[in-house]
PDB file of N, CA and C in Angstrom:
ATOM      1  N   MET A   1     -41.717 -86.895  33.917  1.00  0.00           N
ATOM      2  CA  MET A   1     -42.598 -85.765  34.130  1.00  0.00           C
ATOM      3  C   MET A   1     -43.780 -85.899  33.173  1.00  0.00           C
ATOM      4  N   ALA A   2     -44.945 -85.908  33.709  1.00  0.00           N
ATOM      5  CA  ALA A   2     -46.151 -86.062  32.895  1.00  0.00           C
ATOM      6  C   ALA A   2     -46.346 -84.853  31.994  1.00  0.00           C
ATOM      7  N   GLY A   3     -46.701 -85.105  30.754  1.00  0.00           N
ATOM      8  CA  GLY A   3     -46.989 -84.027  29.822  1.00  0.00           C
ATOM      9  C   GLY A   3     -45.769 -83.365  29.215  1.00  0.00           C
ATOM     10  N   ALA A   4     -44.569 -83.812  29.578  1.00  0.00           N
ATOM     11  CA  ALA A   4     -43.359 -83.208  29.031  1.00  0.00           C
ATOM     12  C   ALA A   4     -43.240 -83.563  27.549  1.00  0.00           C
ATOM     13  N   LYS A   5     -42.846 -82.595  26.762  1.00  0.00           N
ATOM     14  CA  LYS A   5     -42.682 -82.814  25.327  1.00  0.00           C
ATOM     15  C   LYS A   5     -41.408 -83.609  25.069  1.00  0.00           C
ATOM     16  N   LYS A   6     -41.519 -84.613  24.230  1.00  0.00           N
ATOM     17  CA  LYS A   6     -40.364 -85.428  23.870  1.00  0.00           C
ATOM     18  C   LYS A   6     -39.450 -84.655  22.932  1.00  0.00           C
ATOM     19  N   LEU A   7     -38.151 -84.819  23.115  1.00  0.00           N
ATOM     20  CA  LEU A   7     -37.183 -84.232  22.199  1.00  0.00           C
ATOM     21  C   LEU A   7     -37.131 -85.093  20.944  1.00  0.00           C
ATOM     22  N   THR A   8     -37.318 -84.468  19.797  1.00  0.00           N
ATOM     23  CA  THR A   8     -37.188 -85.150  18.513  1.00  0.00           C
ATOM     24  C   THR A   8     -36.163 -84.386  17.682  1.00  0.00           C
ATOM     25  N   VAL A   9     -35.778 -84.942  16.554  1.00  0.00           N
ATOM     26  CA  VAL A   9     -34.827 -84.249  15.683  1.00  0.00           C
ATOM     27  C   VAL A   9     -35.403 -82.925  15.181  1.00  0.00           C
ATOM     28  N   HIS A  10     -36.725 -82.795  15.186  1.00  0.00           N
ATOM     29  CA  HIS A  10     -37.380 -81.582  14.703  1.00  0.00           C
ATOM     30  C   HIS A  10     -37.330 -80.434  15.708  1.00  0.00           C
ATOM     31  N   GLU A  11     -37.056 -80.725  16.976  1.00  0.00           N
ATOM     32  CA  GLU A  11     -37.016 -79.691  18.011  1.00  0.00           C
ATOM     33  C   GLU A  11     -35.603 -79.219  18.350  1.00  0.00           C
ATOM     34  N   LEU A  12     -34.587 -79.748  17.685  1.00  0.00           N
ATOM     35  CA  LEU A  12     -33.211 -79.321  17.971  1.00  0.00           C
ATOM     36  C   LEU A  12     -33.050 -77.838  17.639  1.00  0.00           C
ATOM     37  N   VAL A  13     -32.334 -77.119  18.501  1.00  0.00           N
ATOM     38  CA  VAL A  13     -32.185 -75.666  18.375  1.00  0.00           C
ATOM     39  C   VAL A  13     -30.741 -75.331  17.992  1.00  0.00           C
ATOM     40  N   PRO A  14     -30.542 -74.580  16.902  1.00  0.00           N
ATOM     41  CA  PRO A  14     -29.177 -74.209  16.497  1.00  0.00           C
ATOM     42  C   PRO A  14     -28.431 -73.508  17.630  1.00  0.00           C
ATOM     43  N   GLY A  15     -27.204 -73.934  17.847  1.00  0.00           N
ATOM     44  CA  GLY A  15     -26.347 -73.351  18.873  1.00  0.00           C
ATOM     45  C   GLY A  15     -26.492 -74.006  20.234  1.00  0.00           C
ATOM     46  N   LYS A  16     -27.540 -74.787  20.440  1.00  0.00           N
ATOM     47  CA  LYS A  16     -27.762 -75.441  21.725  1.00  0.00           C
ATOM     48  C   LYS A  16     -26.955 -76.731  21.797  1.00  0.00           C
ATOM     49  N   ARG A  17     -26.499 -77.048  23.008  1.00  0.00           N
ATOM     50  CA  ARG A  17     -25.699 -78.260  23.207  1.00  0.00           C
ATOM     51  C   ARG A  17     -26.583 -79.406  23.677  1.00  0.00           C
ATOM     52  N   TYR A  18     -26.229 -80.595  23.209  1.00  0.00           N
ATOM     53  CA  TYR A  18     -26.942 -81.820  23.548  1.00  0.00           C
ATOM     54  C   TYR A  18     -25.932 -82.873  23.981  1.00  0.00           C
ATOM     55  N   ARG A  19     -26.394 -83.782  24.838  1.00  0.00           N
ATOM     56  CA  ARG A  19     -25.526 -84.848  25.353  1.00  0.00           C
ATOM     57  C   ARG A  19     -26.113 -86.204  24.957  1.00  0.00           C
ATOM     58  N   VAL A  20     -25.229 -87.098  24.524  1.00  0.00           N
ATOM     59  CA  VAL A  20     -25.641 -88.476  24.251  1.00  0.00           C
ATOM     60  C   VAL A  20     -25.813 -89.149  25.608  1.00  0.00           C
ATOM     61  N   ILE A  21     -27.015 -89.677  25.875  1.00  0.00           N
ATOM     62  CA  ILE A  21     -27.281 -90.299  27.176  1.00  0.00           C
ATOM     63  C   ILE A  21     -27.339 -91.828  27.092  1.00  0.00           C
ATOM     64  N   LYS A  22     -27.348 -92.342  25.874  1.00  0.00           N
ATOM     65  CA  LYS A  22     -27.335 -93.792  25.652  1.00  0.00           C
ATOM     66  C   LYS A  22     -26.557 -94.028  24.357  1.00  0.00           C
ATOM     67  N   PRO A  23     -25.523 -94.878  24.393  1.00  0.00           N
ATOM     68  CA  PRO A  23     -24.714 -95.092  23.186  1.00  0.00           C
ATOM     69  C   PRO A  23     -25.529 -95.722  22.054  1.00  0.00           C
ATOM     70  N   PHE A  24     -25.169 -95.355  20.831  1.00  0.00           N
ATOM     71  CA  PHE A  24     -25.842 -95.898  19.643  1.00  0.00           C
ATOM     72  C   PHE A  24     -24.946 -95.716  18.434  1.00  0.00           C
ATOM     73  N   ARG A  25     -25.357 -96.323  17.339  1.00  0.00           N
ATOM     74  CA  ARG A  25     -24.699 -96.137  16.042  1.00  0.00           C
ATOM     75  C   ARG A  25     -25.720 -95.510  15.104  1.00  0.00           C
ATOM     76  N   ASP A  26     -25.260 -94.548  14.306  1.00  0.00           N
ATOM     77  CA  ASP A  26     -26.168 -93.912  13.353  1.00  0.00           C
ATOM     78  C   ASP A  26     -26.365 -94.823  12.133  1.00  0.00           C
ATOM     79  N   TYR A  27     -27.102 -94.341  11.154  1.00  0.00           N
ATOM     80  CA  TYR A  27     -27.432 -95.115   9.963  1.00  0.00           C
ATOM     81  C   TYR A  27     -26.194 -95.669   9.260  1.00  0.00           C
ATOM     82  N   HIS A  28     -25.110 -94.917   9.280  1.00  0.00           N
ATOM     83  CA  HIS A  28     -23.875 -95.338   8.611  1.00  0.00           C
ATOM     84  C   HIS A  28     -22.940 -96.108   9.532  1.00  0.00           C
ATOM     85  N   GLY A  29     -23.392 -96.399  10.751  1.00  0.00           N
ATOM     86  CA  GLY A  29     -22.583 -97.200  11.667  1.00  0.00           C
ATOM     87  C   GLY A  29     -21.608 -96.417  12.521  1.00  0.00           C
ATOM     88  N   HIS A  30     -21.663 -95.087  12.464  1.00  0.00           N
ATOM     89  CA  HIS A  30     -20.758 -94.279  13.278  1.00  0.00           C
ATOM     90  C   HIS A  30     -21.211 -94.320  14.736  1.00  0.00           C
ATOM     91  N   PRO A  31     -20.284 -94.634  15.670  1.00  0.00           N
ATOM     92  CA  PRO A  31     -20.673 -94.729  17.080  1.00  0.00           C
ATOM     93  C   PRO A  31     -20.811 -93.357  17.741  1.00  0.00           C
ATOM     94  N   PHE A  32     -21.824 -93.230  18.577  1.00  0.00           N
ATOM     95  CA  PHE A  32     -22.022 -92.061  19.423  1.00  0.00           C
ATOM     96  C   PHE A  32     -22.011 -92.578  20.851  1.00  0.00           C
ATOM     97  N   GLU A  33     -21.068 -92.091  21.652  1.00  0.00           N
ATOM     98  CA  GLU A  33     -20.835 -92.631  22.979  1.00  0.00           C
ATOM     99  C   GLU A  33     -21.545 -91.834  24.068  1.00  0.00           C
ATOM    100  N   GLU A  34     -21.965 -92.517  25.117  1.00  0.00           N
ATOM    101  CA  GLU A  34     -22.606 -91.873  26.263  1.00  0.00           C
ATOM    102  C   GLU A  34     -21.704 -90.765  26.804  1.00  0.00           C
ATOM    103  N   GLY A  35     -22.278 -89.603  27.062  1.00  0.00           N
ATOM    104  CA  GLY A  35     -21.536 -88.468  27.598  1.00  0.00           C
ATOM    105  C   GLY A  35     -21.015 -87.519  26.531  1.00  0.00           C
ATOM    106  N   GLU A  36     -21.043 -87.923  25.283  1.00  0.00           N
ATOM    107  CA  GLU A  36     -20.555 -87.080  24.190  1.00  0.00           C
ATOM    108  C   GLU A  36     -21.412 -85.811  24.088  1.00  0.00           C
ATOM    109  N   LEU A  37     -20.754 -84.660  24.004  1.00  0.00           N
ATOM    110  CA  LEU A  37     -21.447 -83.378  23.861  1.00  0.00           C
ATOM    111  C   LEU A  37     -21.435 -82.942  22.409  1.00  0.00           C
ATOM    112  N   LEU A  38     -22.589 -82.490  21.930  1.00  0.00           N
ATOM    113  CA  LEU A  38     -22.739 -82.074  20.538  1.00  0.00           C
ATOM    114  C   LEU A  38     -23.459 -80.735  20.484  1.00  0.00           C
ATOM    115  N   THR A  39     -22.977 -79.837  19.632  1.00  0.00           N
ATOM    116  CA  THR A  39     -23.587 -78.522  19.458  1.00  0.00           C
ATOM    117  C   THR A  39     -24.317 -78.515  18.127  1.00  0.00           C
ATOM    118  N   PHE A  40     -25.653 -78.389  18.184  1.00  0.00           N
ATOM    119  CA  PHE A  40     -26.460 -78.491  16.980  1.00  0.00           C
ATOM    120  C   PHE A  40     -26.249 -77.305  16.047  1.00  0.00           C
ATOM    121  N   ALA A  41     -26.108 -77.608  14.757  1.00  0.00           N
ATOM    122  CA  ALA A  41     -25.946 -76.567  13.735  1.00  0.00           C
ATOM    123  C   ALA A  41     -27.141 -76.554  12.779  1.00  0.00           C
ATOM    124  N   SER A  42     -27.476 -77.717  12.192  1.00  0.00           N
ATOM    125  CA  SER A  42     -28.577 -77.751  11.219  1.00  0.00           C
ATOM    126  C   SER A  42     -29.034 -79.186  10.977  1.00  0.00           C
ATOM    127  N   ARG A  43     -30.192 -79.294  10.310  1.00  0.00           N
ATOM    128  CA  ARG A  43     -30.733 -80.604   9.948  1.00  0.00           C
ATOM    129  C   ARG A  43     -31.270 -80.516   8.533  1.00  0.00           C
ATOM    130  N   ASP A  44     -30.969 -81.533   7.750  1.00  0.00           N
ATOM    131  CA  ASP A  44     -31.509 -81.651   6.399  1.00  0.00           C
ATOM    132  C   ASP A  44     -32.316 -82.934   6.323  1.00  0.00           C
ATOM    133  N   TYR A  45     -33.347 -82.914   5.493  1.00  0.00           N
ATOM    134  CA  TYR A  45     -34.233 -84.072   5.347  1.00  0.00           C
ATOM    135  C   TYR A  45     -34.307 -84.462   3.884  1.00  0.00           C
ATOM    136  N   LEU A  46     -34.149 -85.746   3.623  1.00  0.00           N
ATOM    137  CA  LEU A  46     -34.258 -86.275   2.275  1.00  0.00           C
ATOM    138  C   LEU A  46     -35.505 -87.162   2.230  1.00  0.00           C
ATOM    139  N   PRO A  47     -36.644 -86.617   1.789  1.00  0.00           N
ATOM    140  CA  PRO A  47     -37.905 -87.356   1.862  1.00  0.00           C
ATOM    141  C   PRO A  47     -37.918 -88.672   1.090  1.00  0.00           C
ATOM    142  N   TYR A  48     -37.198 -88.744   0.008  1.00  0.00           N
ATOM    143  CA  TYR A  48     -37.209 -89.964  -0.799  1.00  0.00           C
ATOM    144  C   TYR A  48     -36.749 -91.168   0.024  1.00  0.00           C
ATOM    145  N   HIS A  49     -35.760 -90.945   0.898  1.00  0.00           N
ATOM    146  CA  HIS A  49     -35.213 -92.025   1.723  1.00  0.00           C
ATOM    147  C   HIS A  49     -35.633 -91.905   3.188  1.00  0.00           C
ATOM    148  N   ASP A  50     -36.462 -90.907   3.521  1.00  0.00           N
ATOM    149  CA  ASP A  50     -36.837 -90.636   4.907  1.00  0.00           C
ATOM    150  C   ASP A  50     -35.580 -90.522   5.768  1.00  0.00           C
ATOM    151  N   GLY A  51     -34.571 -89.838   5.220  1.00  0.00           N
ATOM    152  CA  GLY A  51     -33.291 -89.703   5.902  1.00  0.00           C
ATOM    153  C   GLY A  51     -33.086 -88.316   6.474  1.00  0.00           C
ATOM    154  N   HIS A  52     -32.442 -88.281   7.627  1.00  0.00           N
ATOM    155  CA  HIS A  52     -32.151 -87.022   8.311  1.00  0.00           C
ATOM    156  C   HIS A  52     -30.640 -86.893   8.475  1.00  0.00           C
ATOM    157  N   THR A  53     -30.082 -85.802   7.992  1.00  0.00           N
ATOM    158  CA  THR A  53     -28.683 -85.478   8.200  1.00  0.00           C
ATOM    159  C   THR A  53     -28.667 -84.402   9.272  1.00  0.00           C
ATOM    160  N   ILE A  54     -28.135 -84.735  10.433  1.00  0.00           N
ATOM    161  CA  ILE A  54     -28.119 -83.814  11.564  1.00  0.00           C
ATOM    162  C   ILE A  54     -26.681 -83.356  11.753  1.00  0.00           C
ATOM    163  N   VAL A  55     -26.452 -82.079  11.510  1.00  0.00           N
ATOM    164  CA  VAL A  55     -25.104 -81.525  11.559  1.00  0.00           C
ATOM    165  C   VAL A  55     -24.870 -80.864  12.913  1.00  0.00           C
ATOM    166  N   PHE A  56     -23.872 -81.347  13.612  1.00  0.00           N
ATOM    167  CA  PHE A  56     -23.404 -80.750  14.859  1.00  0.00           C
ATOM    168  C   PHE A  56     -22.040 -80.138  14.573  1.00  0.00           C
ATOM    169  N   ALA A  57     -21.624 -79.176  15.365  1.00  0.00           N
ATOM    170  CA  ALA A  57     -20.310 -78.557  15.169  1.00  0.00           C
ATOM    171  C   ALA A  57     -19.204 -79.612  15.243  1.00  0.00           C
ATOM    172  N   GLU A  58     -19.391 -80.611  16.086  1.00  0.00           N
ATOM    173  CA  GLU A  58     -18.355 -81.610  16.321  1.00  0.00           C
ATOM    174  C   GLU A  58     -18.330 -82.724  15.281  1.00  0.00           C
ATOM    175  N   ARG A  59     -19.503 -83.066  14.727  1.00  0.00           N
ATOM    176  CA  ARG A  59     -19.608 -84.174  13.770  1.00  0.00           C
ATOM    177  C   ARG A  59     -21.023 -84.246  13.209  1.00  0.00           C
ATOM    178  N   THR A  60     -21.238 -85.122  12.254  1.00  0.00           N
ATOM    179  CA  THR A  60     -22.548 -85.262  11.616  1.00  0.00           C
ATOM    180  C   THR A  60     -23.153 -86.619  11.969  1.00  0.00           C
ATOM    181  N   MET A  61     -24.482 -86.627  12.111  1.00  0.00           N
ATOM    182  CA  MET A  61     -25.236 -87.837  12.436  1.00  0.00           C
ATOM    183  C   MET A  61     -26.238 -88.081  11.300  1.00  0.00           C
ATOM    184  N   TRP A  62     -26.355 -89.324  10.882  1.00  0.00           N
ATOM    185  CA  TRP A  62     -27.335 -89.690   9.859  1.00  0.00           C
ATOM    186  C   TRP A  62     -28.348 -90.646  10.470  1.00  0.00           C
ATOM    187  N   LEU A  63     -29.622 -90.308  10.358  1.00  0.00           N
ATOM    188  CA  LEU A  63     -30.688 -91.173  10.869  1.00  0.00           C
ATOM    189  C   LEU A  63     -31.687 -91.458   9.770  1.00  0.00           C
ATOM    190  N   TRP A  64     -32.289 -92.611   9.837  1.00  0.00           N
ATOM    191  CA  TRP A  64     -33.335 -93.023   8.920  1.00  0.00           C
ATOM    192  C   TRP A  64     -34.642 -93.001   9.696  1.00  0.00           C
ATOM    193  N   GLY A  65     -35.710 -92.523   9.081  1.00  0.00           N
ATOM    194  CA  GLY A  65     -36.985 -92.377   9.751  1.00  0.00           C
ATOM    195  C   GLY A  65     -37.530 -93.640  10.380  1.00  0.00           C
ATOM    196  N   GLY A  66     -37.089 -94.796   9.954  1.00  0.00           N
ATOM    197  CA  GLY A  66     -37.589 -96.045  10.499  1.00  0.00           C
ATOM    198  C   GLY A  66     -36.723 -96.657  11.581  1.00  0.00           C
ATOM    199  N   ASP A  67     -35.628 -95.979  11.987  1.00  0.00           N
ATOM    200  CA  ASP A  67     -34.757 -96.606  12.981  1.00  0.00           C
ATOM    201  C   ASP A  67     -35.132 -96.215  14.412  1.00  0.00           C
ATOM    202  N   GLU A  68     -34.645 -96.994  15.364  1.00  0.00           N
ATOM    203  CA  GLU A  68     -34.975 -96.810  16.776  1.00  0.00           C
ATOM    204  C   GLU A  68     -34.527 -95.451  17.303  1.00  0.00           C
ATOM    205  N   VAL A  69     -33.349 -94.995  16.921  1.00  0.00           N
ATOM    206  CA  VAL A  69     -32.843 -93.720  17.427  1.00  0.00           C
ATOM    207  C   VAL A  69     -33.740 -92.571  16.970  1.00  0.00           C
ATOM    208  N   TYR A  70     -34.163 -92.581  15.718  1.00  0.00           N
ATOM    209  CA  TYR A  70     -35.061 -91.539  15.236  1.00  0.00           C
ATOM    210  C   TYR A  70     -36.411 -91.608  15.956  1.00  0.00           C
ATOM    211  N   ALA A  71     -36.964 -92.806  16.091  1.00  0.00           N
ATOM    212  CA  ALA A  71     -38.287 -92.993  16.684  1.00  0.00           C
ATOM    213  C   ALA A  71     -38.336 -92.619  18.161  1.00  0.00           C
ATOM    214  N   ASP A  72     -37.229 -92.808  18.873  1.00  0.00           N
ATOM    215  CA  ASP A  72     -37.191 -92.547  20.318  1.00  0.00           C
ATOM    216  C   ASP A  72     -35.971 -91.690  20.650  1.00  0.00           C
ATOM    217  N   PHE A  73     -35.797 -90.597  19.905  1.00  0.00           N
ATOM    218  CA  PHE A  73     -34.596 -89.761  19.972  1.00  0.00           C
ATOM    219  C   PHE A  73     -34.252 -89.340  21.395  1.00  0.00           C
ATOM    220  N   ASP A  74     -35.256 -88.983  22.196  1.00  0.00           N
ATOM    221  CA  ASP A  74     -34.976 -88.488  23.545  1.00  0.00           C
ATOM    222  C   ASP A  74     -34.500 -89.571  24.495  1.00  0.00           C
ATOM    223  N   ALA A  75     -34.534 -90.833  24.104  1.00  0.00           N
ATOM    224  CA  ALA A  75     -33.941 -91.887  24.909  1.00  0.00           C
ATOM    225  C   ALA A  75     -32.438 -91.981  24.682  1.00  0.00           C
ATOM    226  N   PHE A  76     -31.955 -91.302  23.636  1.00  0.00           N
ATOM    227  CA  PHE A  76     -30.544 -91.356  23.276  1.00  0.00           C
ATOM    228  C   PHE A  76     -29.843 -90.007  23.419  1.00  0.00           C
ATOM    229  N   VAL A  77     -30.571 -88.916  23.223  1.00  0.00           N
ATOM    230  CA  VAL A  77     -29.974 -87.573  23.227  1.00  0.00           C
ATOM    231  C   VAL A  77     -30.855 -86.659  24.077  1.00  0.00           C
ATOM    232  N   ALA A  78     -30.199 -85.810  24.901  1.00  0.00           N
ATOM    233  CA  ALA A  78     -30.931 -84.884  25.766  1.00  0.00           C
ATOM    234  C   ALA A  78     -30.221 -83.536  25.781  1.00  0.00           C
ATOM    235  N   PRO A  79     -30.957 -82.479  26.112  1.00  0.00           N
ATOM    236  CA  PRO A  79     -30.297 -81.161  26.262  1.00  0.00           C
ATOM    237  C   PRO A  79     -29.193 -81.276  27.309  1.00  0.00           C
ATOM    238  N   ALA A  80     -28.080 -80.608  27.055  1.00  0.00           N
ATOM    239  CA  ALA A  80     -26.948 -80.652  27.998  1.00  0.00           C
ATOM    240  C   ALA A  80     -27.115 -79.599  29.082  1.00  0.00           C
TER     241      ALA A  80
END
């Protein structure tokens, strides 16, 4: 869809559910599988390391600002 806003870690909404649409591993190597449902709780940012701690009710995801998942988040995660 032309002009559609891309989903980034900054647009996640507390309480909203998201689905993993493409499998990946986070910064610490934890696998996230296609179809996995996650309920967003909060996000913390550590500027020194450009690191993002994304807390979901089900589990936590760690991303680094320079990795592919962070740069193209909506290719991996979408609203459920």
